[in-house]
Amino acid sequence: MNDPAPNPFTNSGKLSCLEMLQLVLDGQATSEQIAYFKKHMEVCMPCYKSYSVDMMIKDMLQRKCCGSGIAPETLDSIRQKISASIKPL
């Protein structure tokens, strides 16, 4: 069996799925980290669902707000409500 690819998120200690997701969504992940996370989503349904929902929300907010920006507190509140409503498998 092949060894899994090294986790590029571990440079600063082990990150949870949610922490990896936030780095990717916030545009702070490297291209190597993004590639790793996309591969990770193939085997982690909670990450796949969270990523899909967060991307839809991010896209919708960008379209509806015409790029005027959203207060970080508002976005965090929306993410928390969505996360609370998603039930893990």
Protein backbone atom coordinates (compact mmCIF):
# COMPACT_ATOMS: atom_id res chain seq x y z
CA MET A 1 0.00 0.00 0.00
CA ASN A 2 1.30 3.47 -0.86
CA ASP A 3 2.11 5.87 1.93
CA PRO A 4 -0.24 8.86 1.99
CA ALA A 5 1.17 12.16 0.83
CA PRO A 6 2.75 14.21 3.60
CA ASN A 7 0.38 16.68 5.17
CA PRO A 8 1.56 20.21 4.27
CA PHE A 9 -0.60 21.66 7.05
CA THR A 10 1.54 20.07 9.76
CA ASN A 11 4.36 22.63 9.60
CA SER A 12 2.70 24.59 12.40
CA GLY A 13 1.39 21.56 14.29
CA LYS A 14 -1.49 19.27 13.43
CA LEU A 15 -4.54 21.17 12.23
CA SER A 16 -8.10 19.96 12.42
CA CYS A 17 -10.22 19.59 9.32
CA LEU A 18 -12.02 22.82 10.20
CA GLU A 19 -8.74 24.70 10.53
CA MET A 20 -7.55 23.39 7.16
CA LEU A 21 -10.89 24.34 5.62
CA GLN A 22 -10.69 27.89 6.98
CA LEU A 23 -7.18 28.40 5.58
CA VAL A 24 -8.34 27.22 2.16
CA LEU A 25 -11.52 29.32 2.17
CA ASP A 26 -9.75 32.42 3.45
CA GLY A 27 -7.14 32.19 0.69
CA GLN A 28 -4.30 31.68 3.17
CA ALA A 29 -3.41 28.12 2.11
CA THR A 30 -0.52 27.42 -0.25
CA SER A 31 -1.14 25.66 -3.54
CA GLU A 32 0.33 22.50 -1.99
CA GLN A 33 -2.07 22.76 0.97
CA ILE A 34 -5.05 23.33 -1.35
CA ALA A 35 -4.14 20.24 -3.39
CA TYR A 36 -3.79 18.19 -0.19
CA PHE A 37 -7.14 19.41 1.15
CA LYS A 38 -8.93 18.64 -2.13
CA LYS A 39 -7.53 15.10 -1.99
CA HIS A 40 -8.55 14.88 1.69
CA MET A 41 -12.15 15.80 0.79
CA GLU A 42 -12.36 12.67 -1.36
CA VAL A 43 -12.30 10.58 1.81
CA CYS A 44 -13.76 12.99 4.39
CA MET A 45 -17.47 13.64 3.83
CA PRO A 46 -17.79 16.26 6.63
CA CYS A 47 -15.01 18.31 4.99
CA TYR A 48 -16.59 17.90 1.57
CA LYS A 49 -19.98 19.07 2.84
CA SER A 50 -18.54 21.98 4.81
CA TYR A 51 -16.40 23.10 1.89
CA SER A 52 -19.32 22.92 -0.52
CA VAL A 53 -21.66 24.85 1.78
CA ASP A 54 -19.05 27.47 2.68
CA MET A 55 -18.12 28.01 -0.98
CA MET A 56 -21.79 28.46 -1.94
CA ILE A 57 -22.24 30.99 0.87
CA LYS A 58 -19.04 32.82 -0.02
CA ASP A 59 -20.02 33.01 -3.70
CA MET A 60 -23.55 34.14 -2.88
CA LEU A 61 -22.37 36.82 -0.48
CA GLN A 62 -19.86 38.13 -3.00
CA ARG A 63 -22.55 38.34 -5.69
CA LYS A 64 -25.21 39.88 -3.45
CA CYS A 65 -22.98 42.36 -1.70
CA CYS A 66 -21.34 43.63 -4.90
CA GLY A 67 -17.91 43.31 -3.37
CA SER A 68 -18.66 45.81 -0.60
CA GLY A 69 -17.28 43.39 1.97
CA ILE A 70 -18.93 41.75 4.92
CA ALA A 71 -18.09 42.26 8.55
CA PRO A 72 -16.03 39.28 9.78
CA GLU A 73 -18.41 38.92 12.74
CA THR A 74 -21.38 38.49 10.39
CA LEU A 75 -19.58 35.89 8.31
CA ASP A 76 -18.43 34.01 11.43
CA SER A 77 -22.00 34.01 12.75
CA ILE A 78 -23.31 32.57 9.49
CA ARG A 79 -20.59 29.89 9.45
CA GLN A 80 -21.34 28.90 13.05
CA LYS A 81 -25.06 28.55 12.33
CA ILE A 82 -24.39 26.42 9.28
CA SER A 83 -21.84 24.26 11.08
CA ALA A 84 -24.33 23.68 13.88
CA SER A 85 -26.97 22.58 11.39
CA ILE A 86 -24.73 20.08 9.55
CA LYS A 87 -24.90 16.69 11.16
CA PRO A 88 -21.83 14.45 10.79
CA LEU A 89 -22.32 11.07 9.18
